[in-house]
Amino acid sequence: MKEFTYTVEDPNGIHARPAGKLATFAKQFVSQIRVLGNGTEADAKRLLSLMRLGATRGALLTFRIEGDDEDAAASALESFCTTQWGDGSGL
């Protein structure tokens, strides 16, 4: 299992558009990808599950990746978070 944390920086938090981008991105991996935050857990491949996190600016999210391609998935997801969500400009 691989794990990393990410602090939400976007002033609008993780709303529908960035959640949708993450879900689409995560679907390319066979590994199970879970996102934990605000006392709840979400399947990163499901938009509505991600929306239920209610992740606002400053929220700490923990990504847990487990499966055959977990190394590649963890690296790619961490890069995705910093480039797509890092400053909010990609949203």
N, C-alpha and C. Protein backbone atom coordinates (compact mmCIF):
# COMPACT_ATOMS: atom_id res chain seq x y z
N MET A 1 0.85 -1.19 0.00
CA MET A 1 0.00 0.00 0.00
C MET A 1 0.88 1.24 0.00
N LYS A 2 0.51 2.20 -0.79
CA LYS A 2 1.18 3.49 -0.86
C LYS A 2 0.24 4.54 -0.28
N GLU A 3 0.82 5.59 0.29
CA GLU A 3 0.01 6.63 0.90
C GLU A 3 0.73 7.97 0.81
N PHE A 4 -0.04 9.03 0.58
CA PHE A 4 0.50 10.38 0.64
C PHE A 4 -0.61 11.32 1.08
N THR A 5 -0.22 12.49 1.55
CA THR A 5 -1.21 13.49 1.96
C THR A 5 -1.10 14.72 1.08
N TYR A 6 -2.20 15.42 0.99
CA TYR A 6 -2.28 16.64 0.20
C TYR A 6 -3.19 17.63 0.94
N THR A 7 -2.75 18.87 1.05
CA THR A 7 -3.55 19.92 1.65
C THR A 7 -4.22 20.72 0.54
N VAL A 8 -5.53 20.82 0.59
CA VAL A 8 -6.29 21.54 -0.44
C VAL A 8 -5.93 23.02 -0.39
N GLU A 9 -5.49 23.54 -1.52
CA GLU A 9 -5.06 24.93 -1.61
C GLU A 9 -6.07 25.83 -2.33
N ASP A 10 -6.90 25.23 -3.16
CA ASP A 10 -7.84 26.03 -3.94
C ASP A 10 -8.84 26.72 -3.02
N PRO A 11 -9.08 28.02 -3.21
CA PRO A 11 -10.02 28.76 -2.36
C PRO A 11 -11.44 28.19 -2.37
N ASN A 12 -11.81 27.51 -3.47
CA ASN A 12 -13.15 26.93 -3.59
C ASN A 12 -13.21 25.48 -3.10
N GLY A 13 -12.10 24.94 -2.66
CA GLY A 13 -12.09 23.55 -2.22
C GLY A 13 -12.21 22.59 -3.39
N ILE A 14 -12.55 21.37 -3.07
CA ILE A 14 -12.71 20.35 -4.10
C ILE A 14 -14.19 20.26 -4.46
N HIS A 15 -14.58 21.06 -5.43
CA HIS A 15 -15.97 21.07 -5.89
C HIS A 15 -16.11 20.14 -7.09
N ALA A 16 -17.22 20.21 -7.80
CA ALA A 16 -17.54 19.24 -8.85
C ALA A 16 -16.48 19.13 -9.95
N ARG A 17 -15.99 20.24 -10.44
CA ARG A 17 -15.05 20.18 -11.56
C ARG A 17 -13.74 19.48 -11.18
N PRO A 18 -13.05 19.90 -10.10
CA PRO A 18 -11.82 19.18 -9.76
C PRO A 18 -12.07 17.74 -9.31
N ALA A 19 -13.19 17.49 -8.65
CA ALA A 19 -13.52 16.12 -8.26
C ALA A 19 -13.71 15.25 -9.50
N GLY A 20 -14.36 15.79 -10.50
CA GLY A 20 -14.56 15.06 -11.76
C GLY A 20 -13.25 14.78 -12.47
N LYS A 21 -12.35 15.76 -12.45
CA LYS A 21 -11.03 15.55 -13.05
C LYS A 21 -10.27 14.44 -12.34
N LEU A 22 -10.33 14.43 -11.01
CA LEU A 22 -9.65 13.39 -10.26
C LEU A 22 -10.25 12.02 -10.55
N ALA A 23 -11.57 11.92 -10.54
CA ALA A 23 -12.24 10.64 -10.79
C ALA A 23 -11.85 10.09 -12.16
N THR A 24 -11.86 10.95 -13.16
CA THR A 24 -11.48 10.53 -14.51
C THR A 24 -10.02 10.07 -14.54
N PHE A 25 -9.15 10.82 -13.91
CA PHE A 25 -7.73 10.49 -13.87
C PHE A 25 -7.50 9.17 -13.13
N ALA A 26 -8.16 8.98 -12.01
CA ALA A 26 -7.96 7.79 -11.19
C ALA A 26 -8.42 6.51 -11.88
N LYS A 27 -9.39 6.62 -12.77
CA LYS A 27 -9.94 5.44 -13.44
C LYS A 27 -8.94 4.74 -14.35
N GLN A 28 -7.84 5.40 -14.69
CA GLN A 28 -6.86 4.76 -15.56
C GLN A 28 -6.02 3.71 -14.83
N PHE A 29 -6.14 3.65 -13.50
CA PHE A 29 -5.36 2.71 -12.71
C PHE A 29 -6.24 1.56 -12.22
N VAL A 30 -5.64 0.37 -12.10
CA VAL A 30 -6.40 -0.78 -11.61
C VAL A 30 -6.43 -0.82 -10.08
N SER A 31 -5.48 -0.17 -9.45
CA SER A 31 -5.41 -0.15 -7.99
C SER A 31 -6.65 0.51 -7.38
N GLN A 32 -6.96 0.10 -6.15
CA GLN A 32 -8.01 0.77 -5.39
C GLN A 32 -7.42 2.07 -4.86
N ILE A 33 -8.13 3.17 -5.05
CA ILE A 33 -7.65 4.48 -4.61
C ILE A 33 -8.71 5.08 -3.69
N ARG A 34 -8.32 5.26 -2.43
CA ARG A 34 -9.21 5.83 -1.42
C ARG A 34 -8.68 7.18 -1.00
N VAL A 35 -9.59 8.11 -0.75
CA VAL A 35 -9.22 9.44 -0.26
C VAL A 35 -9.92 9.64 1.07
N LEU A 36 -9.14 9.97 2.10
CA LEU A 36 -9.69 10.17 3.43
C LEU A 36 -9.56 11.65 3.80
N GLY A 37 -10.63 12.19 4.34
CA GLY A 37 -10.62 13.58 4.77
C GLY A 37 -11.91 13.93 5.48
N ASN A 38 -11.84 14.86 6.41
CA ASN A 38 -13.01 15.31 7.16
C ASN A 38 -13.76 14.15 7.82
N GLY A 39 -13.02 13.14 8.26
CA GLY A 39 -13.65 12.03 8.96
C GLY A 39 -14.41 11.07 8.07
N THR A 40 -14.22 11.16 6.77
CA THR A 40 -14.91 10.25 5.86
C THR A 40 -13.93 9.71 4.83
N GLU A 41 -14.37 8.71 4.09
CA GLU A 41 -13.52 8.06 3.10
C GLU A 41 -14.27 8.02 1.77
N ALA A 42 -13.52 8.24 0.68
CA ALA A 42 -14.13 8.28 -0.64
C ALA A 42 -13.37 7.39 -1.61
N ASP A 43 -14.10 6.86 -2.58
CA ASP A 43 -13.51 6.14 -3.70
C ASP A 43 -13.11 7.20 -4.72
N ALA A 44 -11.82 7.30 -5.02
CA ALA A 44 -11.33 8.36 -5.91
C ALA A 44 -11.83 8.21 -7.35
N LYS A 45 -12.41 7.07 -7.67
CA LYS A 45 -12.90 6.85 -9.03
C LYS A 45 -14.38 7.22 -9.18
N ARG A 46 -14.97 7.75 -8.11
CA ARG A 46 -16.40 8.08 -8.13
C ARG A 46 -16.62 9.53 -7.73
N LEU A 47 -17.13 10.30 -8.64
CA LEU A 47 -17.34 11.73 -8.44
C LEU A 47 -18.16 12.03 -7.19
N LEU A 48 -19.30 11.41 -7.04
CA LEU A 48 -20.17 11.71 -5.90
C LEU A 48 -19.52 11.32 -4.58
N SER A 49 -18.75 10.26 -4.59
CA SER A 49 -18.03 9.86 -3.38
C SER A 49 -17.03 10.94 -2.98
N LEU A 50 -16.31 11.48 -3.96
CA LEU A 50 -15.36 12.57 -3.69
C LEU A 50 -16.06 13.82 -3.20
N MET A 51 -17.22 14.14 -3.76
CA MET A 51 -17.97 15.33 -3.37
C MET A 51 -18.41 15.24 -1.90
N ARG A 52 -18.71 14.03 -1.44
CA ARG A 52 -19.14 13.84 -0.05
C ARG A 52 -18.04 14.15 0.97
N LEU A 53 -16.80 14.25 0.51
CA LEU A 53 -15.71 14.60 1.43
C LEU A 53 -15.88 16.01 1.98
N GLY A 54 -16.49 16.89 1.19
CA GLY A 54 -16.67 18.28 1.62
C GLY A 54 -15.34 18.96 1.88
N ALA A 55 -14.37 18.69 1.03
CA ALA A 55 -13.01 19.21 1.23
C ALA A 55 -12.92 20.68 0.85
N THR A 56 -12.74 21.52 1.85
CA THR A 56 -12.59 22.96 1.64
C THR A 56 -11.11 23.33 1.71
N ARG A 57 -10.82 24.57 1.41
CA ARG A 57 -9.43 25.04 1.47
C ARG A 57 -8.83 24.74 2.85
N GLY A 58 -7.63 24.18 2.83
CA GLY A 58 -6.94 23.85 4.07
C GLY A 58 -7.19 22.43 4.56
N ALA A 59 -8.14 21.73 3.94
CA ALA A 59 -8.43 20.35 4.34
C ALA A 59 -7.24 19.45 4.00
N LEU A 60 -6.93 18.54 4.91
CA LEU A 60 -5.86 17.58 4.69
C LEU A 60 -6.49 16.28 4.18
N LEU A 61 -6.07 15.87 2.99
CA LEU A 61 -6.58 14.64 2.38
C LEU A 61 -5.47 13.60 2.37
N THR A 62 -5.81 12.38 2.72
CA THR A 62 -4.87 11.27 2.66
C THR A 62 -5.30 10.34 1.55
N PHE A 63 -4.39 10.07 0.64
CA PHE A 63 -4.64 9.16 -0.48
C PHE A 63 -4.01 7.82 -0.13
N ARG A 64 -4.80 6.74 -0.23
CA ARG A 64 -4.31 5.39 0.00
C ARG A 64 -4.53 4.58 -1.27
N ILE A 65 -3.45 4.05 -1.79
CA ILE A 65 -3.48 3.33 -3.06
C ILE A 65 -2.99 1.91 -2.83
N GLU A 66 -3.76 0.95 -3.29
CA GLU A 66 -3.38 -0.44 -3.11
C GLU A 66 -3.76 -1.25 -4.34
N GLY A 67 -2.78 -1.96 -4.89
CA GLY A 67 -3.05 -2.80 -6.05
C GLY A 67 -1.82 -3.01 -6.90
N ASP A 68 -2.03 -3.63 -8.05
CA ASP A 68 -0.93 -4.01 -8.92
C ASP A 68 -0.10 -2.84 -9.43
N ASP A 69 -0.73 -1.71 -9.66
CA ASP A 69 0.00 -0.55 -10.19
C ASP A 69 0.10 0.58 -9.16
N GLU A 70 0.16 0.23 -7.88
CA GLU A 70 0.13 1.24 -6.81
C GLU A 70 1.31 2.21 -6.87
N ASP A 71 2.48 1.76 -7.26
CA ASP A 71 3.63 2.67 -7.33
C ASP A 71 3.40 3.75 -8.38
N ALA A 72 3.02 3.34 -9.56
CA ALA A 72 2.77 4.30 -10.65
C ALA A 72 1.57 5.18 -10.31
N ALA A 73 0.53 4.59 -9.74
CA ALA A 73 -0.67 5.36 -9.41
C ALA A 73 -0.37 6.41 -8.34
N ALA A 74 0.36 6.05 -7.31
CA ALA A 74 0.67 7.00 -6.24
C ALA A 74 1.48 8.16 -6.77
N SER A 75 2.48 7.87 -7.57
CA SER A 75 3.32 8.92 -8.15
C SER A 75 2.51 9.84 -9.05
N ALA A 76 1.70 9.26 -9.91
CA ALA A 76 0.89 10.05 -10.84
C ALA A 76 -0.16 10.88 -10.11
N LEU A 77 -0.79 10.32 -9.10
CA LEU A 77 -1.81 11.04 -8.35
C LEU A 77 -1.22 12.20 -7.55
N GLU A 78 -0.06 11.98 -6.97
CA GLU A 78 0.58 13.06 -6.22
C GLU A 78 0.94 14.20 -7.16
N SER A 79 1.44 13.86 -8.34
CA SER A 79 1.75 14.88 -9.34
C SER A 79 0.47 15.59 -9.80
N PHE A 80 -0.60 14.83 -10.00
CA PHE A 80 -1.89 15.40 -10.40
C PHE A 80 -2.35 16.43 -9.37
N CYS A 81 -2.27 16.09 -8.10
CA CYS A 81 -2.73 17.00 -7.05
C CYS A 81 -1.95 18.31 -7.07
N THR A 82 -0.66 18.23 -7.22
CA THR A 82 0.14 19.46 -7.18
C THR A 82 0.03 20.27 -8.45
N THR A 83 -0.18 19.64 -9.60
CA THR A 83 -0.26 20.40 -10.85
C THR A 83 -1.69 20.83 -11.17
N GLN A 84 -2.67 19.96 -10.95
CA GLN A 84 -4.07 20.29 -11.28
C GLN A 84 -4.78 21.04 -10.17
N TRP A 85 -4.44 20.73 -8.93
CA TRP A 85 -5.12 21.35 -7.81
C TRP A 85 -4.25 22.36 -7.08
N GLY A 86 -2.94 22.33 -7.33
CA GLY A 86 -1.98 23.08 -6.56
C GLY A 86 -2.30 24.55 -6.33
N ASP A 87 -2.62 25.27 -7.40
CA ASP A 87 -2.89 26.71 -7.22
C ASP A 87 -4.30 27.07 -7.66
N GLY A 88 -5.08 26.09 -8.06
CA GLY A 88 -6.44 26.35 -8.49
C GLY A 88 -6.57 26.79 -9.92
N SER A 89 -5.44 27.05 -10.59
CA SER A 89 -5.51 27.57 -11.95
C SER A 89 -5.95 26.53 -12.96
N GLY A 90 -5.73 25.25 -12.66
CA GLY A 90 -6.12 24.19 -13.57
C GLY A 90 -7.56 23.78 -13.43
N LEU A 91 -8.29 24.45 -12.55
CA LEU A 91 -9.66 24.06 -12.28
C LEU A 91 -10.61 24.97 -13.00
